[in-house]
Amino acid sequence: MTMYPPPPETAGQPYYGGASGPRAGFWQRFAASFLDGIILAVVPVIILSIAASSHSGALVALGYLLLFCGSIAYFVYFEGGPTGQTLGKRALGIRVIDMNTGGPIGYGRAFIRLIGRIVSEIPCYLGYFWMLWDKEKQCWHDKFATDVVVPAQYYPVN
């Protein structure tokens, strides 16, 4: 297990000089993803339950479309934003940062990270478990976007 010293603090400002501090653990990341899944599923599940009772194929399609588009918008907006935190990550006190600068990854790389999540799922979620033996604790989608997930206490959000 690699121990990382906390990054230097500069007058209460976040450290944007690289990600040399500790990384978020597997169970923190799992719990954050679980919370995000619950948050994303609420509206489509309501629509799908209404569709099932009314036997409307159009509502079923709408529910799946909302789930698909909502997931893309949710992850790209929150992980690519200045905080690098989805609501689940915020609740667990972790965030996504650029591996080289320690700053936000931006919306383009957040989209690449999302595509990487799909690739991470294909071989029985091997890309997610990869962090268990990776020295930087990166999943495949982290490697795709050159980012790391870190405890927000060491990399505070403005």
C-alpha atoms as a PDB file:
ATOM      1  CA  MET A   1       0.000   0.000   0.000  1.00  0.00           C
ATOM      2  CA  THR A   2       1.491   3.319  -1.072  1.00  0.00           C
ATOM      3  CA  MET A   3       1.172   6.139   1.441  1.00  0.00           C
ATOM      4  CA  TYR A   4       0.937   9.644   0.032  1.00  0.00           C
ATOM      5  CA  PRO A   5       1.800  12.745   2.022  1.00  0.00           C
ATOM      6  CA  PRO A   6      -0.898  15.392   1.958  1.00  0.00           C
ATOM      7  CA  PRO A   7      -0.304  18.083  -0.667  1.00  0.00           C
ATOM      8  CA  PRO A   8       1.020  21.429   0.548  1.00  0.00           C
ATOM      9  CA  GLU A   9      -1.554  24.037   1.548  1.00  0.00           C
ATOM     10  CA  THR A  10      -1.267  27.594   0.273  1.00  0.00           C
ATOM     11  CA  ALA A  11      -3.235  30.121   2.313  1.00  0.00           C
ATOM     12  CA  GLY A  12      -6.501  28.169   2.174  1.00  0.00           C
ATOM     13  CA  GLN A  13      -6.389  27.850  -1.623  1.00  0.00           C
ATOM     14  CA  PRO A  14      -6.686  24.468  -3.354  1.00  0.00           C
ATOM     15  CA  TYR A  15      -3.441  22.876  -4.410  1.00  0.00           C
ATOM     16  CA  TYR A  16      -3.156  22.859  -8.209  1.00  0.00           C
ATOM     17  CA  GLY A  17       0.312  21.453  -8.696  1.00  0.00           C
ATOM     18  CA  GLY A  18      -0.404  17.817  -9.409  1.00  0.00           C
ATOM     19  CA  ALA A  19      -2.085  14.981  -7.617  1.00  0.00           C
ATOM     20  CA  SER A  20       0.573  13.754  -5.229  1.00  0.00           C
ATOM     21  CA  GLY A  21      -1.697  13.263  -2.218  1.00  0.00           C
ATOM     22  CA  PRO A  22      -3.857  10.333  -1.131  1.00  0.00           C
ATOM     23  CA  ARG A  23      -6.445   8.679  -3.359  1.00  0.00           C
ATOM     24  CA  ALA A  24     -10.069   7.777  -2.699  1.00  0.00           C
ATOM     25  CA  GLY A  25     -10.592   4.148  -1.753  1.00  0.00           C
ATOM     26  CA  PHE A  26     -12.630   1.520  -3.552  1.00  0.00           C
ATOM     27  CA  TRP A  27     -15.558   1.530  -1.116  1.00  0.00           C
ATOM     28  CA  GLN A  28     -15.800   5.331  -1.104  1.00  0.00           C
ATOM     29  CA  ARG A  29     -15.993   5.321  -4.876  1.00  0.00           C
ATOM     30  CA  PHE A  30     -18.448   2.411  -4.898  1.00  0.00           C
ATOM     31  CA  ALA A  31     -20.772   4.156  -2.425  1.00  0.00           C
ATOM     32  CA  ALA A  32     -20.625   7.405  -4.427  1.00  0.00           C
ATOM     33  CA  SER A  33     -21.515   5.523  -7.633  1.00  0.00           C
ATOM     34  CA  PHE A  34     -24.357   3.756  -5.831  1.00  0.00           C
ATOM     35  CA  LEU A  35     -25.782   7.097  -4.642  1.00  0.00           C
ATOM     36  CA  ASP A  36     -25.439   8.580  -8.125  1.00  0.00           C
ATOM     37  CA  GLY A  37     -27.286   5.579  -9.559  1.00  0.00           C
ATOM     38  CA  ILE A  38     -30.160   6.100  -7.136  1.00  0.00           C
ATOM     39  CA  ILE A  39     -30.316   9.814  -7.958  1.00  0.00           C
ATOM     40  CA  LEU A  40     -30.305   9.155 -11.710  1.00  0.00           C
ATOM     41  CA  ALA A  41     -32.942   6.432 -11.543  1.00  0.00           C
ATOM     42  CA  VAL A  42     -35.656   8.338  -9.644  1.00  0.00           C
ATOM     43  CA  VAL A  43     -37.338  10.200 -12.542  1.00  0.00           C
ATOM     44  CA  PRO A  44     -37.080   7.392 -15.140  1.00  0.00           C
ATOM     45  CA  VAL A  45     -38.456   4.829 -12.648  1.00  0.00           C
ATOM     46  CA  ILE A  46     -41.467   7.060 -11.971  1.00  0.00           C
ATOM     47  CA  ILE A  47     -42.072   7.465 -15.712  1.00  0.00           C
ATOM     48  CA  LEU A  48     -41.611   3.730 -16.329  1.00  0.00           C
ATOM     49  CA  SER A  49     -44.039   2.816 -13.550  1.00  0.00           C
ATOM     50  CA  ILE A  50     -46.646   5.187 -15.018  1.00  0.00           C
ATOM     51  CA  ALA A  51     -45.970   3.721 -18.459  1.00  0.00           C
ATOM     52  CA  ALA A  52     -46.423   0.175 -17.168  1.00  0.00           C
ATOM     53  CA  SER A  53     -49.794   1.009 -15.655  1.00  0.00           C
ATOM     54  CA  SER A  54     -50.998   2.788 -18.803  1.00  0.00           C
ATOM     55  CA  HIS A  55     -49.397   0.311 -21.233  1.00  0.00           C
ATOM     56  CA  SER A  56     -47.801   3.170 -23.160  1.00  0.00           C
ATOM     57  CA  GLY A  57     -44.792   2.249 -25.265  1.00  0.00           C
ATOM     58  CA  ALA A  58     -44.032   5.914 -25.842  1.00  0.00           C
ATOM     59  CA  LEU A  59     -43.669   6.529 -22.091  1.00  0.00           C
ATOM     60  CA  VAL A  60     -41.380   3.519 -21.745  1.00  0.00           C
ATOM     61  CA  ALA A  61     -39.177   4.890 -24.520  1.00  0.00           C
ATOM     62  CA  LEU A  62     -39.232   8.310 -22.843  1.00  0.00           C
ATOM     63  CA  GLY A  63     -38.134   6.775 -19.538  1.00  0.00           C
ATOM     64  CA  TYR A  64     -35.162   5.024 -21.131  1.00  0.00           C
ATOM     65  CA  LEU A  65     -34.246   8.117 -23.133  1.00  0.00           C
ATOM     66  CA  LEU A  66     -34.297  10.247 -19.977  1.00  0.00           C
ATOM     67  CA  LEU A  67     -32.110   7.739 -18.167  1.00  0.00           C
ATOM     68  CA  PHE A  68     -29.591   7.650 -21.030  1.00  0.00           C
ATOM     69  CA  CYS A  69     -29.426  11.398 -21.730  1.00  0.00           C
ATOM     70  CA  GLY A  70     -29.726  12.306 -18.071  1.00  0.00           C
ATOM     71  CA  SER A  71     -26.747  10.095 -17.197  1.00  0.00           C
ATOM     72  CA  ILE A  72     -24.574  11.702 -19.854  1.00  0.00           C
ATOM     73  CA  ALA A  73     -25.546  15.226 -18.812  1.00  0.00           C
ATOM     74  CA  TYR A  74     -25.211  14.459 -15.089  1.00  0.00           C
ATOM     75  CA  PHE A  75     -21.708  12.978 -15.194  1.00  0.00           C
ATOM     76  CA  VAL A  76     -20.274  15.385 -17.772  1.00  0.00           C
ATOM     77  CA  TYR A  77     -21.694  18.458 -16.022  1.00  0.00           C
ATOM     78  CA  PHE A  78     -20.742  17.557 -12.464  1.00  0.00           C
ATOM     79  CA  GLU A  79     -17.412  15.770 -13.012  1.00  0.00           C
ATOM     80  CA  GLY A  80     -16.289  18.279 -15.631  1.00  0.00           C
ATOM     81  CA  GLY A  81     -17.305  21.279 -13.549  1.00  0.00           C
ATOM     82  CA  PRO A  82     -15.070  23.253 -11.200  1.00  0.00           C
ATOM     83  CA  THR A  83     -15.749  20.981  -8.203  1.00  0.00           C
ATOM     84  CA  GLY A  84     -15.288  17.649 -10.014  1.00  0.00           C
ATOM     85  CA  GLN A  85     -18.011  16.186  -7.811  1.00  0.00           C
ATOM     86  CA  THR A  86     -21.275  14.476  -8.588  1.00  0.00           C
ATOM     87  CA  LEU A  87     -23.832  14.562  -5.785  1.00  0.00           C
ATOM     88  CA  GLY A  88     -22.704  11.088  -4.689  1.00  0.00           C
ATOM     89  CA  LYS A  89     -19.051  12.114  -4.658  1.00  0.00           C
ATOM     90  CA  ARG A  90     -19.901  15.262  -2.692  1.00  0.00           C
ATOM     91  CA  ALA A  91     -21.761  13.175  -0.100  1.00  0.00           C
ATOM     92  CA  LEU A  92     -18.738  10.881   0.280  1.00  0.00           C
ATOM     93  CA  GLY A  93     -16.189  13.718   0.321  1.00  0.00           C
ATOM     94  CA  ILE A  94     -14.304  12.775  -2.845  1.00  0.00           C
ATOM     95  CA  ARG A  95     -13.718  14.504  -6.172  1.00  0.00           C
ATOM     96  CA  VAL A  96     -12.217  14.048  -9.640  1.00  0.00           C
ATOM     97  CA  ILE A  97      -9.125  16.113 -10.457  1.00  0.00           C
ATOM     98  CA  ASP A  98      -6.555  16.348 -13.242  1.00  0.00           C
ATOM     99  CA  MET A  99      -3.646  14.046 -12.450  1.00  0.00           C
ATOM    100  CA  ASN A 100      -1.012  16.509 -13.658  1.00  0.00           C
ATOM    101  CA  THR A 101      -2.311  19.867 -12.429  1.00  0.00           C
ATOM    102  CA  GLY A 102      -4.677  18.980  -9.570  1.00  0.00           C
ATOM    103  CA  GLY A 103      -7.372  21.196 -11.128  1.00  0.00           C
ATOM    104  CA  PRO A 104     -10.717  20.432 -12.778  1.00  0.00           C
ATOM    105  CA  ILE A 105     -10.751  18.098 -15.780  1.00  0.00           C
ATOM    106  CA  GLY A 106     -13.234  20.079 -17.895  1.00  0.00           C
ATOM    107  CA  TYR A 107     -16.286  18.933 -19.816  1.00  0.00           C
ATOM    108  CA  GLY A 108     -14.448  17.344 -22.770  1.00  0.00           C
ATOM    109  CA  ARG A 109     -12.387  15.052 -20.565  1.00  0.00           C
ATOM    110  CA  ALA A 110     -15.447  14.347 -18.411  1.00  0.00           C
ATOM    111  CA  PHE A 111     -17.137  13.021 -21.563  1.00  0.00           C
ATOM    112  CA  ILE A 112     -14.062  10.899 -22.362  1.00  0.00           C
ATOM    113  CA  ARG A 113     -14.202   9.638 -18.766  1.00  0.00           C
ATOM    114  CA  LEU A 114     -17.862   8.678 -19.315  1.00  0.00           C
ATOM    115  CA  ILE A 115     -16.980   6.701 -22.454  1.00  0.00           C
ATOM    116  CA  GLY A 116     -14.193   5.067 -20.433  1.00  0.00           C
ATOM    117  CA  ARG A 117     -16.758   4.021 -17.805  1.00  0.00           C
ATOM    118  CA  ILE A 118     -18.609   2.076 -20.491  1.00  0.00           C
ATOM    119  CA  VAL A 119     -15.357   0.401 -21.560  1.00  0.00           C
ATOM    120  CA  SER A 120     -14.599  -0.361 -17.878  1.00  0.00           C
ATOM    121  CA  GLU A 121     -17.935  -2.195 -17.580  1.00  0.00           C
ATOM    122  CA  ILE A 122     -17.645  -4.398 -20.672  1.00  0.00           C
ATOM    123  CA  PRO A 123     -15.270  -7.095 -19.345  1.00  0.00           C
ATOM    124  CA  CYS A 124     -17.288  -7.881 -16.162  1.00  0.00           C
ATOM    125  CA  TYR A 125     -16.410  -4.523 -14.570  1.00  0.00           C
ATOM    126  CA  LEU A 126     -12.680  -5.324 -14.673  1.00  0.00           C
ATOM    127  CA  GLY A 127     -11.945  -1.651 -15.419  1.00  0.00           C
ATOM    128  CA  TYR A 128     -13.496  -0.664 -12.085  1.00  0.00           C
ATOM    129  CA  PHE A 129     -11.651  -3.335 -10.101  1.00  0.00           C
ATOM    130  CA  TRP A 130      -8.383  -2.274 -11.742  1.00  0.00           C
ATOM    131  CA  MET A 131      -7.885   0.350  -9.028  1.00  0.00           C
ATOM    132  CA  LEU A 132      -7.414  -2.396  -6.433  1.00  0.00           C
ATOM    133  CA  TRP A 133      -3.941  -3.212  -7.762  1.00  0.00           C
ATOM    134  CA  ASP A 134      -3.032  -0.030  -9.650  1.00  0.00           C
ATOM    135  CA  LYS A 135      -0.352   2.012  -7.848  1.00  0.00           C
ATOM    136  CA  GLU A 136      -2.255   5.265  -8.551  1.00  0.00           C
ATOM    137  CA  LYS A 137      -5.634   3.682  -7.644  1.00  0.00           C
ATOM    138  CA  GLN A 138      -6.966   4.517 -11.102  1.00  0.00           C
ATOM    139  CA  CYS A 139      -9.786   2.713 -12.878  1.00  0.00           C
ATOM    140  CA  TRP A 140      -9.628   2.459 -16.660  1.00  0.00           C
ATOM    141  CA  HIS A 141     -11.867   5.494 -17.108  1.00  0.00           C
ATOM    142  CA  ASP A 142      -9.481   7.502 -14.894  1.00  0.00           C
ATOM    143  CA  LYS A 143      -6.610   6.482 -17.150  1.00  0.00           C
ATOM    144  CA  PHE A 144      -8.616   7.425 -20.276  1.00  0.00           C
ATOM    145  CA  ALA A 145      -9.131  10.966 -18.972  1.00  0.00           C
ATOM    146  CA  THR A 146      -5.797  11.266 -17.098  1.00  0.00           C
ATOM    147  CA  ASP A 147      -7.503  12.000 -13.803  1.00  0.00           C
ATOM    148  CA  VAL A 148      -7.595  10.670 -10.259  1.00  0.00           C
ATOM    149  CA  VAL A 149     -10.288  10.549  -7.593  1.00  0.00           C
ATOM    150  CA  VAL A 150      -9.084  12.030  -4.330  1.00  0.00           C
ATOM    151  CA  PRO A 151     -10.449  12.916  -0.885  1.00  0.00           C
ATOM    152  CA  ALA A 152     -11.747  16.483  -1.029  1.00  0.00           C
ATOM    153  CA  GLN A 153     -10.178  17.235   2.360  1.00  0.00           C
ATOM    154  CA  TYR A 154      -6.729  17.159   0.734  1.00  0.00           C
ATOM    155  CA  TYR A 155      -7.874  18.931  -2.423  1.00  0.00           C
ATOM    156  CA  PRO A 156     -10.519  21.386  -1.229  1.00  0.00           C
ATOM    157  CA  VAL A 157     -13.112  22.805  -3.579  1.00  0.00           C
ATOM    158  CA  ASN A 158     -13.275  26.591  -3.992  1.00  0.00           C
END
